[in-house]
Amino acid sequence: MNDHKARTHAEQARPFHSVPADAELVDIERRYIELAGPDPTAPAPVRDLLAWVARFENENGWMDLAIDDHSGDVVRVERSRGLTAGS
């Protein structure tokens, strides 16, 4: 996936991950992230995954969507404490 496709995937994923409408895509970076299993309460091996990390920001904080470089799926969502769903 290239930068343009990653930005497109990030923008299309906004409504599915409650990215606020006023949040702007300010940065996107291709890097390896550590990813565990689907259940955060269960032990699982950690694996490295090449992903595009898209950062959205508004006046309340930031939100990162990690997008699998191979599949285009969002594999992790992180947000600052100030940014709540819909804010």
C-alpha atoms as a PDB file:
ATOM      1  CA  MET A   1       0.000   0.000   0.000  1.00  0.00           C
ATOM      2  CA  ASN A   2       1.250   3.500  -0.698  1.00  0.00           C
ATOM      3  CA  ASP A   3       0.680   6.772   1.175  1.00  0.00           C
ATOM      4  CA  HIS A   4      -2.311   7.775  -0.981  1.00  0.00           C
ATOM      5  CA  LYS A   5      -4.111   4.434  -0.491  1.00  0.00           C
ATOM      6  CA  ALA A   6      -3.396   4.509   3.249  1.00  0.00           C
ATOM      7  CA  ARG A   7      -4.945   7.995   3.526  1.00  0.00           C
ATOM      8  CA  THR A   8      -7.990   6.790   1.591  1.00  0.00           C
ATOM      9  CA  HIS A   9      -8.406   3.774   3.905  1.00  0.00           C
ATOM     10  CA  ALA A  10      -8.062   6.025   6.967  1.00  0.00           C
ATOM     11  CA  GLU A  11     -10.686   8.474   5.718  1.00  0.00           C
ATOM     12  CA  GLN A  12     -13.098   5.650   4.808  1.00  0.00           C
ATOM     13  CA  ALA A  13     -12.664   4.084   8.273  1.00  0.00           C
ATOM     14  CA  ARG A  14     -13.658   7.301  10.115  1.00  0.00           C
ATOM     15  CA  PRO A  15     -17.381   6.530  10.620  1.00  0.00           C
ATOM     16  CA  PHE A  16     -16.742   2.922  11.689  1.00  0.00           C
ATOM     17  CA  HIS A  17     -14.372   3.981  14.474  1.00  0.00           C
ATOM     18  CA  SER A  18     -16.137   7.132  15.707  1.00  0.00           C
ATOM     19  CA  VAL A  19     -13.541   9.587  14.476  1.00  0.00           C
ATOM     20  CA  PRO A  20     -15.076  13.018  15.144  1.00  0.00           C
ATOM     21  CA  ALA A  21     -16.240  14.832  12.026  1.00  0.00           C
ATOM     22  CA  ASP A  22     -14.123  17.892  12.867  1.00  0.00           C
ATOM     23  CA  ALA A  23     -10.930  15.855  13.387  1.00  0.00           C
ATOM     24  CA  GLU A  24      -8.342  16.456  10.675  1.00  0.00           C
ATOM     25  CA  LEU A  25      -5.984  13.797   9.323  1.00  0.00           C
ATOM     26  CA  VAL A  26      -2.705  15.493  10.257  1.00  0.00           C
ATOM     27  CA  ASP A  27      -0.160  12.704   9.779  1.00  0.00           C
ATOM     28  CA  ILE A  28       0.207   9.197   8.411  1.00  0.00           C
ATOM     29  CA  GLU A  29       3.281   7.066   8.925  1.00  0.00           C
ATOM     30  CA  ARG A  30       4.226   3.547   7.846  1.00  0.00           C
ATOM     31  CA  ARG A  31       5.867   1.636  10.695  1.00  0.00           C
ATOM     32  CA  TYR A  32       5.957  -1.638  12.565  1.00  0.00           C
ATOM     33  CA  ILE A  33       3.588  -1.949  15.517  1.00  0.00           C
ATOM     34  CA  GLU A  34       3.227  -4.700  18.105  1.00  0.00           C
ATOM     35  CA  LEU A  35      -0.103  -6.474  17.970  1.00  0.00           C
ATOM     36  CA  ALA A  36      -1.446  -9.124  20.344  1.00  0.00           C
ATOM     37  CA  GLY A  37      -4.461 -11.402  20.007  1.00  0.00           C
ATOM     38  CA  PRO A  38      -8.056 -10.226  19.625  1.00  0.00           C
ATOM     39  CA  ASP A  39      -8.965 -10.677  23.317  1.00  0.00           C
ATOM     40  CA  PRO A  40      -7.019  -8.195  25.470  1.00  0.00           C
ATOM     41  CA  THR A  41      -7.804 -10.165  28.646  1.00  0.00           C
ATOM     42  CA  ALA A  42      -6.312 -13.432  27.355  1.00  0.00           C
ATOM     43  CA  PRO A  43      -2.607 -14.197  27.026  1.00  0.00           C
ATOM     44  CA  ALA A  44      -1.436 -14.172  23.426  1.00  0.00           C
ATOM     45  CA  PRO A  45       1.848 -13.956  21.574  1.00  0.00           C
ATOM     46  CA  VAL A  46       2.747 -10.497  20.356  1.00  0.00           C
ATOM     47  CA  ARG A  47       3.620 -10.095  16.693  1.00  0.00           C
ATOM     48  CA  ASP A  48       5.113  -7.273  14.701  1.00  0.00           C
ATOM     49  CA  LEU A  49       2.892  -5.921  11.952  1.00  0.00           C
ATOM     50  CA  LEU A  50       3.683  -3.375   9.251  1.00  0.00           C
ATOM     51  CA  ALA A  51       0.957  -0.744   9.485  1.00  0.00           C
ATOM     52  CA  TRP A  52       0.077   2.781   8.479  1.00  0.00           C
ATOM     53  CA  VAL A  53      -0.702   4.842  11.590  1.00  0.00           C
ATOM     54  CA  ALA A  54      -3.063   7.702  10.762  1.00  0.00           C
ATOM     55  CA  ARG A  55      -3.354  10.506  13.318  1.00  0.00           C
ATOM     56  CA  PHE A  56      -6.534  12.571  13.461  1.00  0.00           C
ATOM     57  CA  GLU A  57      -6.665  15.678  15.660  1.00  0.00           C
ATOM     58  CA  ASN A  58      -9.192  18.244  16.788  1.00  0.00           C
ATOM     59  CA  GLU A  59      -9.249  20.774  19.623  1.00  0.00           C
ATOM     60  CA  ASN A  60     -10.089  18.030  22.156  1.00  0.00           C
ATOM     61  CA  GLY A  61      -7.220  15.652  21.369  1.00  0.00           C
ATOM     62  CA  TRP A  62      -6.002  13.015  18.954  1.00  0.00           C
ATOM     63  CA  MET A  63      -6.961   9.590  17.633  1.00  0.00           C
ATOM     64  CA  ASP A  64      -4.759   7.043  15.862  1.00  0.00           C
ATOM     65  CA  LEU A  65      -5.999   4.362  13.478  1.00  0.00           C
ATOM     66  CA  ALA A  66      -3.444   1.638  12.691  1.00  0.00           C
ATOM     67  CA  ILE A  67      -4.137   0.157   9.268  1.00  0.00           C
ATOM     68  CA  ASP A  68      -2.614  -3.170   8.200  1.00  0.00           C
ATOM     69  CA  ASP A  69      -0.297  -2.480   5.240  1.00  0.00           C
ATOM     70  CA  HIS A  70      -1.280  -5.765   3.577  1.00  0.00           C
ATOM     71  CA  SER A  71      -5.049  -6.067   4.144  1.00  0.00           C
ATOM     72  CA  GLY A  72      -6.086  -2.442   4.664  1.00  0.00           C
ATOM     73  CA  ASP A  73      -7.991  -3.389   7.830  1.00  0.00           C
ATOM     74  CA  VAL A  74      -7.928  -1.183  10.920  1.00  0.00           C
ATOM     75  CA  VAL A  75      -6.136  -3.310  13.510  1.00  0.00           C
ATOM     76  CA  ARG A  76      -5.861  -0.863  16.408  1.00  0.00           C
ATOM     77  CA  VAL A  77      -7.547   2.340  17.566  1.00  0.00           C
ATOM     78  CA  GLU A  78      -5.994   4.616  20.189  1.00  0.00           C
ATOM     79  CA  ARG A  79      -7.243   7.968  21.407  1.00  0.00           C
ATOM     80  CA  SER A  80      -6.132  10.628  23.852  1.00  0.00           C
ATOM     81  CA  ARG A  81      -8.107  11.024  27.063  1.00  0.00           C
ATOM     82  CA  GLY A  82      -9.584  14.311  25.869  1.00  0.00           C
ATOM     83  CA  LEU A  83     -11.078  12.747  22.763  1.00  0.00           C
ATOM     84  CA  THR A  84     -14.208  10.769  23.478  1.00  0.00           C
ATOM     85  CA  ALA A  85     -16.360   9.081  20.859  1.00  0.00           C
ATOM     86  CA  GLY A  86     -18.289  11.764  19.031  1.00  0.00           C
ATOM     87  CA  SER A  87     -16.343  14.722  20.495  1.00  0.00           C
END
